[in-house]
Amino acid sequence: MAVIVHSAGIQDRVGARALLLLSKNYRHIVAIFADSGYTGKLVDWTFAMFRWVLIIVKRNEQSKFVVLSKRWIVERTFAWLGSHRRLSKDYEHKTSSSETFIKIAMIRLMLKRLNAT
């Protein structure tokens, strides 16, 4: 759908707004899952701008490791991206190059899945 890579100096909530603005043409989106770093005004802003529900997936209060619902999908995707040599480390000097290589990696992944059928 959309990819934004920004510097570490930009807070995730600010980057999320830019990403959501890129995704506004996707009418089929109903809900978005995010971790606790995206709480606050972003939840209300997302609903006011797009009528999308931003669902915050919170950690259990248990002391042992527990797989969080929906969060594992994000971690799995990061693992897939990390298996591509150019994305295993931050080699790029420009964020636009990083965005392009992420898109190429996801296209490659989708083509592999389509070819498997």
PDB file of N, CA and C in Angstrom:
ATOM      1  N   MET A   1       0.820  -1.187   0.000  1.00  0.00           N
ATOM      2  CA  MET A   1       0.000   0.000   0.000  1.00  0.00           C
ATOM      3  C   MET A   1       0.864   1.251   0.000  1.00  0.00           C
ATOM      4  N   ALA A   2       1.532   1.518   1.129  1.00  0.00           N
ATOM      5  CA  ALA A   2       2.342   2.735   1.211  1.00  0.00           C
ATOM      6  C   ALA A   2       3.505   2.491   2.162  1.00  0.00           C
ATOM      7  N   VAL A   3       4.609   3.153   1.898  1.00  0.00           N
ATOM      8  CA  VAL A   3       5.809   3.035   2.733  1.00  0.00           C
ATOM      9  C   VAL A   3       6.365   4.432   2.955  1.00  0.00           C
ATOM     10  N   ILE A   4       6.723   4.713   4.195  1.00  0.00           N
ATOM     11  CA  ILE A   4       7.449   5.946   4.506  1.00  0.00           C
ATOM     12  C   ILE A   4       8.605   5.573   5.426  1.00  0.00           C
ATOM     13  N   VAL A   5       9.795   5.987   5.035  1.00  0.00           N
ATOM     14  CA  VAL A   5      10.979   5.827   5.875  1.00  0.00           C
ATOM     15  C   VAL A   5      11.401   7.232   6.265  1.00  0.00           C
ATOM     16  N   HIS A   6      11.565   7.451   7.561  1.00  0.00           N
ATOM     17  CA  HIS A   6      11.989   8.774   8.016  1.00  0.00           C
ATOM     18  C   HIS A   6      13.139   8.628   8.989  1.00  0.00           C
ATOM     19  N   SER A   7      13.761   9.729   9.314  1.00  0.00           N
ATOM     20  CA  SER A   7      14.895   9.697  10.235  1.00  0.00           C
ATOM     21  C   SER A   7      14.424   9.328  11.636  1.00  0.00           C
ATOM     22  N   ALA A   8      15.362   8.910  12.449  1.00  0.00           N
ATOM     23  CA  ALA A   8      15.029   8.509  13.816  1.00  0.00           C
ATOM     24  C   ALA A   8      14.589   9.694  14.665  1.00  0.00           C
ATOM     25  N   GLY A   9      14.861  10.904  14.215  1.00  0.00           N
ATOM     26  CA  GLY A   9      14.482  12.095  14.967  1.00  0.00           C
ATOM     27  C   GLY A   9      13.004  12.449  14.873  1.00  0.00           C
ATOM     28  N   ILE A  10      12.271  11.764  14.012  1.00  0.00           N
ATOM     29  CA  ILE A  10      10.840  12.028  13.867  1.00  0.00           C
ATOM     30  C   ILE A  10      10.069  11.014  14.694  1.00  0.00           C
ATOM     31  N   GLN A  11       9.170  11.498  15.527  1.00  0.00           N
ATOM     32  CA  GLN A  11       8.384  10.620  16.381  1.00  0.00           C
ATOM     33  C   GLN A  11       7.439   9.768  15.532  1.00  0.00           C
ATOM     34  N   ASP A  12       7.201   8.532  15.967  1.00  0.00           N
ATOM     35  CA  ASP A  12       6.365   7.601  15.211  1.00  0.00           C
ATOM     36  C   ASP A  12       4.975   8.148  14.923  1.00  0.00           C
ATOM     37  N   ARG A  13       4.393   8.840  15.890  1.00  0.00           N
ATOM     38  CA  ARG A  13       3.042   9.380  15.681  1.00  0.00           C
ATOM     39  C   ARG A  13       3.003  10.389  14.538  1.00  0.00           C
ATOM     40  N   VAL A  14       4.055  11.182  14.403  1.00  0.00           N
ATOM     41  CA  VAL A  14       4.130  12.162  13.316  1.00  0.00           C
ATOM     42  C   VAL A  14       4.289  11.440  11.978  1.00  0.00           C
ATOM     43  N   GLY A  15       5.149  10.436  11.949  1.00  0.00           N
ATOM     44  CA  GLY A  15       5.322   9.645  10.736  1.00  0.00           C
ATOM     45  C   GLY A  15       4.064   8.893  10.360  1.00  0.00           C
ATOM     46  N   ALA A  16       3.306   8.474  11.358  1.00  0.00           N
ATOM     47  CA  ALA A  16       2.056   7.751  11.097  1.00  0.00           C
ATOM     48  C   ALA A  16       1.052   8.644  10.380  1.00  0.00           C
ATOM     49  N   ARG A  17       0.994   9.891  10.747  1.00  0.00           N
ATOM     50  CA  ARG A  17       0.064  10.815  10.066  1.00  0.00           C
ATOM     51  C   ARG A  17       0.401  10.922   8.582  1.00  0.00           C
ATOM     52  N   ALA A  18       1.687  11.049   8.275  1.00  0.00           N
ATOM     53  CA  ALA A  18       2.103  11.141   6.869  1.00  0.00           C
ATOM     54  C   ALA A  18       1.750   9.859   6.118  1.00  0.00           C
ATOM     55  N   LEU A  19       1.954   8.717   6.758  1.00  0.00           N
ATOM     56  CA  LEU A  19       1.626   7.436   6.129  1.00  0.00           C
ATOM     57  C   LEU A  19       0.126   7.292   5.913  1.00  0.00           C
ATOM     58  N   LEU A  20      -0.653   7.685   6.895  1.00  0.00           N
ATOM     59  CA  LEU A  20      -2.109   7.593   6.765  1.00  0.00           C
ATOM     60  C   LEU A  20      -2.627   8.509   5.659  1.00  0.00           C
ATOM     61  N   LEU A  21      -2.020   9.671   5.511  1.00  0.00           N
ATOM     62  CA  LEU A  21      -2.427  10.574   4.428  1.00  0.00           C
ATOM     63  C   LEU A  21      -2.154   9.955   3.056  1.00  0.00           C
ATOM     64  N   LEU A  22      -1.066   9.177   2.946  1.00  0.00           N
ATOM     65  CA  LEU A  22      -0.783   8.479   1.688  1.00  0.00           C
ATOM     66  C   LEU A  22      -1.800   7.374   1.411  1.00  0.00           C
ATOM     67  N   SER A  23      -2.378   6.824   2.459  1.00  0.00           N
ATOM     68  CA  SER A  23      -3.294   5.688   2.334  1.00  0.00           C
ATOM     69  C   SER A  23      -4.751   6.099   2.207  1.00  0.00           C
ATOM     70  N   LYS A  24      -5.029   7.382   2.117  1.00  0.00           N
ATOM     71  CA  LYS A  24      -6.418   7.857   2.149  1.00  0.00           C
ATOM     72  C   LYS A  24      -7.269   7.368   0.983  1.00  0.00           C
ATOM     73  N   ASN A  25      -6.658   6.990  -0.123  1.00  0.00           N
ATOM     74  CA  ASN A  25      -7.422   6.537  -1.286  1.00  0.00           C
ATOM     75  C   ASN A  25      -7.870   5.080  -1.186  1.00  0.00           C
ATOM     76  N   TYR A  26      -7.430   4.379  -0.174  1.00  0.00           N
ATOM     77  CA  TYR A  26      -7.814   2.982   0.014  1.00  0.00           C
ATOM     78  C   TYR A  26      -9.110   2.936   0.811  1.00  0.00           C
ATOM     79  N   ARG A  27     -10.209   2.900   0.120  1.00  0.00           N
ATOM     80  CA  ARG A  27     -11.533   2.975   0.748  1.00  0.00           C
ATOM     81  C   ARG A  27     -11.893   1.726   1.543  1.00  0.00           C
ATOM     82  N   HIS A  28     -11.225   0.622   1.275  1.00  0.00           N
ATOM     83  CA  HIS A  28     -11.574  -0.629   1.950  1.00  0.00           C
ATOM     84  C   HIS A  28     -11.030  -0.719   3.376  1.00  0.00           C
ATOM     85  N   ILE A  29     -10.187   0.207   3.777  1.00  0.00           N
ATOM     86  CA  ILE A  29      -9.642   0.180   5.137  1.00  0.00           C
ATOM     87  C   ILE A  29     -10.746   0.538   6.126  1.00  0.00           C
ATOM     88  N   VAL A  30     -10.880  -0.285   7.154  1.00  0.00           N
ATOM     89  CA  VAL A  30     -11.872  -0.034   8.200  1.00  0.00           C
ATOM     90  C   VAL A  30     -11.176   0.189   9.540  1.00  0.00           C
ATOM     91  N   ALA A  31     -10.157  -0.635   9.803  1.00  0.00           N
ATOM     92  CA  ALA A  31      -9.452  -0.556  11.084  1.00  0.00           C
ATOM     93  C   ALA A  31      -7.952  -0.687  10.851  1.00  0.00           C
ATOM     94  N   ILE A  32      -7.192  -0.068  11.729  1.00  0.00           N
ATOM     95  CA  ILE A  32      -5.739  -0.129  11.700  1.00  0.00           C
ATOM     96  C   ILE A  32      -5.281  -0.535  13.092  1.00  0.00           C
ATOM     97  N   PHE A  33      -4.368  -1.492  13.150  1.00  0.00           N
ATOM     98  CA  PHE A  33      -3.830  -1.942  14.429  1.00  0.00           C
ATOM     99  C   PHE A  33      -2.465  -1.309  14.644  1.00  0.00           C
ATOM    100  N   ALA A  34      -2.233  -0.819  15.857  1.00  0.00           N
ATOM    101  CA  ALA A  34      -0.970  -0.171  16.193  1.00  0.00           C
ATOM    102  C   ALA A  34      -0.593  -0.515  17.626  1.00  0.00           C
ATOM    103  N   ASP A  35       0.689  -0.328  17.949  1.00  0.00           N
ATOM    104  CA  ASP A  35       1.105  -0.587  19.329  1.00  0.00           C
ATOM    105  C   ASP A  35       0.937   0.674  20.167  1.00  0.00           C
ATOM    106  N   SER A  36       1.342   0.585  21.418  1.00  0.00           N
ATOM    107  CA  SER A  36       1.068   1.669  22.367  1.00  0.00           C
ATOM    108  C   SER A  36       1.824   2.962  22.053  1.00  0.00           C
ATOM    109  N   GLY A  37       2.769   2.929  21.127  1.00  0.00           N
ATOM    110  CA  GLY A  37       3.475   4.143  20.728  1.00  0.00           C
ATOM    111  C   GLY A  37       2.611   5.103  19.926  1.00  0.00           C
ATOM    112  N   TYR A  38       1.448   4.652  19.517  1.00  0.00           N
ATOM    113  CA  TYR A  38       0.576   5.458  18.665  1.00  0.00           C
ATOM    114  C   TYR A  38      -0.688   5.926  19.381  1.00  0.00           C
ATOM    115  N   THR A  39      -0.660   5.966  20.687  1.00  0.00           N
ATOM    116  CA  THR A  39      -1.827   6.417  21.447  1.00  0.00           C
ATOM    117  C   THR A  39      -1.939   7.943  21.397  1.00  0.00           C
ATOM    118  N   GLY A  40      -2.954   8.450  22.035  1.00  0.00           N
ATOM    119  CA  GLY A  40      -3.115   9.901  22.128  1.00  0.00           C
ATOM    120  C   GLY A  40      -4.006  10.464  21.046  1.00  0.00           C
ATOM    121  N   LYS A  41      -3.655  11.650  20.582  1.00  0.00           N
ATOM    122  CA  LYS A  41      -4.483  12.379  19.619  1.00  0.00           C
ATOM    123  C   LYS A  41      -4.566  11.684  18.263  1.00  0.00           C
ATOM    124  N   LEU A  42      -3.602  10.820  17.956  1.00  0.00           N
ATOM    125  CA  LEU A  42      -3.598  10.141  16.662  1.00  0.00           C
ATOM    126  C   LEU A  42      -4.845   9.290  16.468  1.00  0.00           C
ATOM    127  N   VAL A  43      -5.336   8.677  17.536  1.00  0.00           N
ATOM    128  CA  VAL A  43      -6.541   7.840  17.453  1.00  0.00           C
ATOM    129  C   VAL A  43      -7.729   8.693  17.010  1.00  0.00           C
ATOM    130  N   ASP A  44      -7.919   9.834  17.655  1.00  0.00           N
ATOM    131  CA  ASP A  44      -9.030  10.729  17.308  1.00  0.00           C
ATOM    132  C   ASP A  44      -8.838  11.352  15.925  1.00  0.00           C
ATOM    133  N   TRP A  45      -7.606  11.742  15.605  1.00  0.00           N
ATOM    134  CA  TRP A  45      -7.313  12.344  14.306  1.00  0.00           C
ATOM    135  C   TRP A  45      -7.615  11.369  13.167  1.00  0.00           C
ATOM    136  N   THR A  46      -7.224  10.107  13.353  1.00  0.00           N
ATOM    137  CA  THR A  46      -7.458   9.092  12.323  1.00  0.00           C
ATOM    138  C   THR A  46      -8.948   8.918  12.060  1.00  0.00           C
ATOM    139  N   PHE A  47      -9.736   8.884  13.123  1.00  0.00           N
ATOM    140  CA  PHE A  47     -11.179   8.717  12.939  1.00  0.00           C
ATOM    141  C   PHE A  47     -11.799   9.965  12.312  1.00  0.00           C
ATOM    142  N   ALA A  48     -11.365  11.132  12.756  1.00  0.00           N
ATOM    143  CA  ALA A  48     -11.926  12.379  12.222  1.00  0.00           C
ATOM    144  C   ALA A  48     -11.578  12.575  10.743  1.00  0.00           C
ATOM    145  N   MET A  49     -10.364  12.209  10.351  1.00  0.00           N
ATOM    146  CA  MET A  49      -9.922  12.419   8.969  1.00  0.00           C
ATOM    147  C   MET A  49     -10.465  11.375   7.998  1.00  0.00           C
ATOM    148  N   PHE A  50     -10.479  10.103   8.442  1.00  0.00           N
ATOM    149  CA  PHE A  50     -10.746   9.016   7.499  1.00  0.00           C
ATOM    150  C   PHE A  50     -11.912   8.113   7.887  1.00  0.00           C
ATOM    151  N   ARG A  51     -12.408   8.264   9.101  1.00  0.00           N
ATOM    152  CA  ARG A  51     -13.430   7.354   9.647  1.00  0.00           C
ATOM    153  C   ARG A  51     -12.881   5.936   9.812  1.00  0.00           C
ATOM    154  N   TRP A  52     -11.579   5.834  10.063  1.00  0.00           N
ATOM    155  CA  TRP A  52     -10.941   4.554  10.344  1.00  0.00           C
ATOM    156  C   TRP A  52     -10.764   4.437  11.848  1.00  0.00           C
ATOM    157  N   VAL A  53     -10.892   3.239  12.353  1.00  0.00           N
ATOM    158  CA  VAL A  53     -10.690   2.986  13.774  1.00  0.00           C
ATOM    159  C   VAL A  53      -9.236   2.564  13.976  1.00  0.00           C
ATOM    160  N   LEU A  54      -8.527   3.282  14.822  1.00  0.00           N
ATOM    161  CA  LEU A  54      -7.148   2.936  15.164  1.00  0.00           C
ATOM    162  C   LEU A  54      -7.189   2.144  16.461  1.00  0.00           C
ATOM    163  N   ILE A  55      -6.918   0.850  16.369  1.00  0.00           N
ATOM    164  CA  ILE A  55      -6.989  -0.046  17.523  1.00  0.00           C
ATOM    165  C   ILE A  55      -5.585  -0.216  18.088  1.00  0.00           C
ATOM    166  N   ILE A  56      -5.420   0.135  19.351  1.00  0.00           N
ATOM    167  CA  ILE A  56      -4.130   0.019  20.020  1.00  0.00           C
ATOM    168  C   ILE A  56      -4.035  -1.360  20.660  1.00  0.00           C
ATOM    169  N   VAL A  57      -3.041  -2.144  20.230  1.00  0.00           N
ATOM    170  CA  VAL A  57      -2.807  -3.477  20.789  1.00  0.00           C
ATOM    171  C   VAL A  57      -1.885  -3.304  21.984  1.00  0.00           C
ATOM    172  N   LYS A  58      -2.389  -3.633  23.161  1.00  0.00           N
ATOM    173  CA  LYS A  58      -1.624  -3.421  24.392  1.00  0.00           C
ATOM    174  C   LYS A  58      -1.034  -4.726  24.892  1.00  0.00           C
ATOM    175  N   ARG A  59       0.063  -4.595  25.615  1.00  0.00           N
ATOM    176  CA  ARG A  59       0.716  -5.763  26.211  1.00  0.00           C
ATOM    177  C   ARG A  59      -0.101  -6.299  27.370  1.00  0.00           C
ATOM    178  N   ASN A  60       0.031  -7.610  27.577  1.00  0.00           N
ATOM    179  CA  ASN A  60      -0.556  -8.220  28.768  1.00  0.00           C
ATOM    180  C   ASN A  60       0.260  -7.819  29.981  1.00  0.00           C
ATOM    181  N   GLU A  61      -0.339  -7.844  31.104  1.00  0.00           N
ATOM    182  CA  GLU A  61       0.371  -7.512  32.338  1.00  0.00           C
ATOM    183  C   GLU A  61       1.164  -8.702  32.869  1.00  0.00           C
ATOM    184  N   GLN A  62       1.174  -9.791  32.131  1.00  0.00           N
ATOM    185  CA  GLN A  62       1.909 -10.980  32.564  1.00  0.00           C
ATOM    186  C   GLN A  62       3.401 -10.729  32.422  1.00  0.00           C
ATOM    187  N   SER A  63       4.176 -11.383  33.279  1.00  0.00           N
ATOM    188  CA  SER A  63       5.616 -11.176  33.254  1.00  0.00           C
ATOM    189  C   SER A  63       6.300 -12.016  32.181  1.00  0.00           C
ATOM    190  N   LYS A  64       5.647 -13.082  31.717  1.00  0.00           N
ATOM    191  CA  LYS A  64       6.269 -13.928  30.703  1.00  0.00           C
ATOM    192  C   LYS A  64       5.925 -13.427  29.294  1.00  0.00           C
ATOM    193  N   PHE A  65       6.665 -13.946  28.320  1.00  0.00           N
ATOM    194  CA  PHE A  65       6.458 -13.549  26.931  1.00  0.00           C
ATOM    195  C   PHE A  65       5.116 -14.052  26.428  1.00  0.00           C
ATOM    196  N   VAL A  66       4.376 -13.162  25.794  1.00  0.00           N
ATOM    197  CA  VAL A  66       3.089 -13.511  25.199  1.00  0.00           C
ATOM    198  C   VAL A  66       3.034 -12.872  23.812  1.00  0.00           C
ATOM    199  N   VAL A  67       2.652 -13.654  22.810  1.00  0.00           N
ATOM    200  CA  VAL A  67       2.502 -13.112  21.466  1.00  0.00           C
ATOM    201  C   VAL A  67       1.270 -12.213  21.438  1.00  0.00           C
ATOM    202  N   LEU A  68       1.458 -10.978  21.012  1.00  0.00           N
ATOM    203  CA  LEU A  68       0.351 -10.028  20.960  1.00  0.00           C
ATOM    204  C   LEU A  68      -0.430 -10.216  19.665  1.00  0.00           C
ATOM    205  N   SER A  69      -1.743 -10.191  19.784  1.00  0.00           N
ATOM    206  CA  SER A  69      -2.564 -10.345  18.588  1.00  0.00           C
ATOM    207  C   SER A  69      -2.286  -9.203  17.623  1.00  0.00           C
ATOM    208  N   LYS A  70      -2.207  -9.511  16.372  1.00  0.00           N
ATOM    209  CA  LYS A  70      -1.945  -8.581  15.267  1.00  0.00           C
ATOM    210  C   LYS A  70      -0.511  -8.056  15.250  1.00  0.00           C
ATOM    211  N   ARG A  71       0.142  -7.937  16.381  1.00  0.00           N
ATOM    212  CA  ARG A  71       1.510  -7.419  16.406  1.00  0.00           C
ATOM    213  C   ARG A  71       2.478  -8.394  15.736  1.00  0.00           C
ATOM    214  N   TRP A  72       2.207  -9.687  15.834  1.00  0.00           N
ATOM    215  CA  TRP A  72       3.100 -10.671  15.231  1.00  0.00           C
ATOM    216  C   TRP A  72       3.127 -10.535  13.714  1.00  0.00           C
ATOM    217  N   ILE A  73       2.062 -10.016  13.112  1.00  0.00           N
ATOM    218  CA  ILE A  73       2.027  -9.823  11.661  1.00  0.00           C
ATOM    219  C   ILE A  73       3.076  -8.788  11.252  1.00  0.00           C
ATOM    220  N   VAL A  74       3.184  -7.731  12.030  1.00  0.00           N
ATOM    221  CA  VAL A  74       4.183  -6.692  11.760  1.00  0.00           C
ATOM    222  C   VAL A  74       5.587  -7.261  11.918  1.00  0.00           C
ATOM    223  N   GLU A  75       5.816  -7.997  13.002  1.00  0.00           N
ATOM    224  CA  GLU A  75       7.139  -8.572  13.245  1.00  0.00           C
ATOM    225  C   GLU A  75       7.513  -9.576  12.161  1.00  0.00           C
ATOM    226  N   ARG A  76       6.541 -10.363  11.690  1.00  0.00           N
ATOM    227  CA  ARG A  76       6.790 -11.323  10.613  1.00  0.00           C
ATOM    228  C   ARG A  76       7.191 -10.583   9.342  1.00  0.00           C
ATOM    229  N   THR A  77       6.524  -9.474   9.055  1.00  0.00           N
ATOM    230  CA  THR A  77       6.845  -8.694   7.862  1.00  0.00           C
ATOM    231  C   THR A  77       8.248  -8.106   7.965  1.00  0.00           C
ATOM    232  N   PHE A  78       8.627  -7.618   9.137  1.00  0.00           N
ATOM    233  CA  PHE A  78       9.992  -7.121   9.335  1.00  0.00           C
ATOM    234  C   PHE A  78      11.009  -8.239   9.104  1.00  0.00           C
ATOM    235  N   ALA A  79      10.697  -9.450   9.547  1.00  0.00           N
ATOM    236  CA  ALA A  79      11.594 -10.590   9.337  1.00  0.00           C
ATOM    237  C   ALA A  79      11.736 -10.890   7.847  1.00  0.00           C
ATOM    238  N   TRP A  80      10.635 -10.848   7.109  1.00  0.00           N
ATOM    239  CA  TRP A  80      10.700 -11.065   5.659  1.00  0.00           C
ATOM    240  C   TRP A  80      11.572 -10.007   5.002  1.00  0.00           C
ATOM    241  N   LEU A  81      11.387  -8.758   5.393  1.00  0.00           N
ATOM    242  CA  LEU A  81      12.180  -7.677   4.816  1.00  0.00           C
ATOM    243  C   LEU A  81      13.654  -7.827   5.173  1.00  0.00           C
ATOM    244  N   GLY A  82      13.931  -8.261   6.391  1.00  0.00           N
ATOM    245  CA  GLY A  82      15.308  -8.438   6.836  1.00  0.00           C
ATOM    246  C   GLY A  82      16.046  -9.536   6.100  1.00  0.00           C
ATOM    247  N   SER A  83      15.311 -10.441   5.460  1.00  0.00           N
ATOM    248  CA  SER A  83      15.962 -11.520   4.716  1.00  0.00           C
ATOM    249  C   SER A  83      16.520 -11.033   3.376  1.00  0.00           C
ATOM    250  N   HIS A  84      16.184  -9.831   2.975  1.00  0.00           N
ATOM    251  CA  HIS A  84      16.742  -9.243   1.759  1.00  0.00           C
ATOM    252  C   HIS A  84      18.030  -8.509   2.128  1.00  0.00           C
ATOM    253  N   ARG A  85      19.080  -8.800   1.375  1.00  0.00           N
ATOM    254  CA  ARG A  85      20.416  -8.320   1.722  1.00  0.00           C
ATOM    255  C   ARG A  85      20.476  -6.804   1.895  1.00  0.00           C
ATOM    256  N   ARG A  86      19.855  -6.044   1.013  1.00  0.00           N
ATOM    257  CA  ARG A  86      19.929  -4.588   1.103  1.00  0.00           C
ATOM    258  C   ARG A  86      19.168  -4.035   2.300  1.00  0.00           C
ATOM    259  N   LEU A  87      18.264  -4.820   2.855  1.00  0.00           N
ATOM    260  CA  LEU A  87      17.465  -4.342   3.980  1.00  0.00           C
ATOM    261  C   LEU A  87      17.919  -4.921   5.314  1.00  0.00           C
ATOM    262  N   SER A  88      18.952  -5.774   5.281  1.00  0.00           N
ATOM    263  CA  SER A  88      19.405  -6.389   6.530  1.00  0.00           C
ATOM    264  C   SER A  88      20.082  -5.372   7.451  1.00  0.00           C
ATOM    265  N   LYS A  89      20.644  -4.329   6.861  1.00  0.00           N
ATOM    266  CA  LYS A  89      21.243  -3.231   7.622  1.00  0.00           C
ATOM    267  C   LYS A  89      20.860  -1.930   6.925  1.00  0.00           C
ATOM    268  N   ASP A  90      21.110  -0.824   7.567  1.00  0.00           N
ATOM    269  CA  ASP A  90      20.795   0.472   6.965  1.00  0.00           C
ATOM    270  C   ASP A  90      21.960   0.931   6.090  1.00  0.00           C
ATOM    271  N   TYR A  91      21.987   0.446   4.858  1.00  0.00           N
ATOM    272  CA  TYR A  91      23.040   0.818   3.919  1.00  0.00           C
ATOM    273  C   TYR A  91      22.763   2.150   3.238  1.00  0.00           C
ATOM    274  N   GLU A  92      21.525   2.517   3.140  1.00  0.00           N
ATOM    275  CA  GLU A  92      21.130   3.670   2.328  1.00  0.00           C
ATOM    276  C   GLU A  92      21.398   4.988   3.056  1.00  0.00           C
ATOM    277  N   HIS A  93      21.751   5.993   2.285  1.00  0.00           N
ATOM    278  CA  HIS A  93      21.960   7.334   2.834  1.00  0.00           C
ATOM    279  C   HIS A  93      20.721   8.203   2.676  1.00  0.00           C
ATOM    280  N   LYS A  94      19.858   7.829   1.746  1.00  0.00           N
ATOM    281  CA  LYS A  94      18.631   8.592   1.508  1.00  0.00           C
ATOM    282  C   LYS A  94      17.427   7.742   1.881  1.00  0.00           C
ATOM    283  N   THR A  95      16.453   8.361   2.520  1.00  0.00           N
ATOM    284  CA  THR A  95      15.248   7.619   2.902  1.00  0.00           C
ATOM    285  C   THR A  95      14.466   7.159   1.679  1.00  0.00           C
ATOM    286  N   SER A  96      14.539   7.916   0.597  1.00  0.00           N
ATOM    287  CA  SER A  96      13.818   7.509  -0.622  1.00  0.00           C
ATOM    288  C   SER A  96      14.380   6.202  -1.179  1.00  0.00           C
ATOM    289  N   SER A  97      15.691   5.990  -1.046  1.00  0.00           N
ATOM    290  CA  SER A  97      16.285   4.720  -1.485  1.00  0.00           C
ATOM    291  C   SER A  97      15.789   3.572  -0.623  1.00  0.00           C
ATOM    292  N   SER A  98      15.717   3.789   0.675  1.00  0.00           N
ATOM    293  CA  SER A  98      15.211   2.751   1.577  1.00  0.00           C
ATOM    294  C   SER A  98      13.770   2.398   1.245  1.00  0.00           C
ATOM    295  N   GLU A  99      12.947   3.406   0.993  1.00  0.00           N
ATOM    296  CA  GLU A  99      11.545   3.158   0.631  1.00  0.00           C
ATOM    297  C   GLU A  99      11.456   2.321  -0.643  1.00  0.00           C
ATOM    298  N   THR A 100      12.298   2.646  -1.621  1.00  0.00           N
ATOM    299  CA  THR A 100      12.283   1.910  -2.886  1.00  0.00           C
ATOM    300  C   THR A 100      12.677   0.458  -2.687  1.00  0.00           C
ATOM    301  N   PHE A 101      13.707   0.200  -1.893  1.00  0.00           N
ATOM    302  CA  PHE A 101      14.134  -1.179  -1.671  1.00  0.00           C
ATOM    303  C   PHE A 101      13.102  -1.973  -0.872  1.00  0.00           C
ATOM    304  N   ILE A 102      12.382  -1.324   0.012  1.00  0.00           N
ATOM    305  CA  ILE A 102      11.290  -2.006   0.725  1.00  0.00           C
ATOM    306  C   ILE A 102      10.195  -2.387  -0.265  1.00  0.00           C
ATOM    307  N   LYS A 103       9.852  -1.481  -1.158  1.00  0.00           N
ATOM    308  CA  LYS A 103       8.827  -1.788  -2.166  1.00  0.00           C
ATOM    309  C   LYS A 103       9.269  -2.932  -3.076  1.00  0.00           C
ATOM    310  N   ILE A 104      10.526  -2.919  -3.495  1.00  0.00           N
ATOM    311  CA  ILE A 104      11.042  -4.001  -4.339  1.00  0.00           C
ATOM    312  C   ILE A 104      10.976  -5.331  -3.600  1.00  0.00           C
ATOM    313  N   ALA A 105      11.354  -5.332  -2.329  1.00  0.00           N
ATOM    314  CA  ALA A 105      11.309  -6.568  -1.539  1.00  0.00           C
ATOM    315  C   ALA A 105       9.884  -7.091  -1.411  1.00  0.00           C
ATOM    316  N   MET A 106       8.928  -6.212  -1.199  1.00  0.00           N
ATOM    317  CA  MET A 106       7.534  -6.651  -1.069  1.00  0.00           C
ATOM    318  C   MET A 106       6.977  -7.131  -2.409  1.00  0.00           C
ATOM    319  N   ILE A 107       7.366  -6.502  -3.507  1.00  0.00           N
ATOM    320  CA  ILE A 107       6.953  -6.980  -4.833  1.00  0.00           C
ATOM    321  C   ILE A 107       7.511  -8.377  -5.069  1.00  0.00           C
ATOM    322  N   ARG A 108       8.769  -8.565  -4.721  1.00  0.00           N
ATOM    323  CA  ARG A 108       9.396  -9.884  -4.872  1.00  0.00           C
ATOM    324  C   ARG A 108       8.658 -10.930  -4.043  1.00  0.00           C
ATOM    325  N   LEU A 109       8.301 -10.585  -2.830  1.00  0.00           N
ATOM    326  CA  LEU A 109       7.568 -11.503  -1.961  1.00  0.00           C
ATOM    327  C   LEU A 109       6.202 -11.853  -2.559  1.00  0.00           C
ATOM    328  N   MET A 110       5.499 -10.852  -3.066  1.00  0.00           N
ATOM    329  CA  MET A 110       4.183 -11.110  -3.674  1.00  0.00           C
ATOM    330  C   MET A 110       4.306 -11.981  -4.921  1.00  0.00           C
ATOM    331  N   LEU A 111       5.334 -11.741  -5.737  1.00  0.00           N
ATOM    332  CA  LEU A 111       5.532 -12.560  -6.934  1.00  0.00           C
ATOM    333  C   LEU A 111       5.829 -14.012  -6.572  1.00  0.00           C
ATOM    334  N   LYS A 112       6.612 -14.223  -5.521  1.00  0.00           N
ATOM    335  CA  LYS A 112       6.879 -15.594  -5.057  1.00  0.00           C
ATOM    336  C   LYS A 112       5.588 -16.283  -4.642  1.00  0.00           C
ATOM    337  N   ARG A 113       4.739 -15.570  -3.938  1.00  0.00           N
ATOM    338  CA  ARG A 113       3.464 -16.150  -3.500  1.00  0.00           C
ATOM    339  C   ARG A 113       2.561 -16.462  -4.684  1.00  0.00           C
ATOM    340  N   LEU A 114       2.495 -15.566  -5.653  1.00  0.00           N
ATOM    341  CA  LEU A 114       1.663 -15.801  -6.832  1.00  0.00           C
ATOM    342  C   LEU A 114       2.180 -16.976  -7.656  1.00  0.00           C
ATOM    343  N   ASN A 115       3.483 -17.123  -7.728  1.00  0.00           N
ATOM    344  CA  ASN A 115       4.088 -18.207  -8.488  1.00  0.00           C
ATOM    345  C   ASN A 115       3.891 -19.558  -7.804  1.00  0.00           C
ATOM    346  N   ALA A 116       3.704 -19.561  -6.506  1.00  0.00           N
ATOM    347  CA  ALA A 116       3.537 -20.811  -5.749  1.00  0.00           C
ATOM    348  C   ALA A 116       2.193 -21.470  -6.021  1.00  0.00           C
ATOM    349  N   THR A 117       1.220 -20.721  -6.528  1.00  0.00           N
ATOM    350  CA  THR A 117      -0.111 -21.298  -6.759  1.00  0.00           C
ATOM    351  C   THR A 117      -0.220 -22.027  -8.065  1.00  0.00           C
TER     352      THR A 117
END
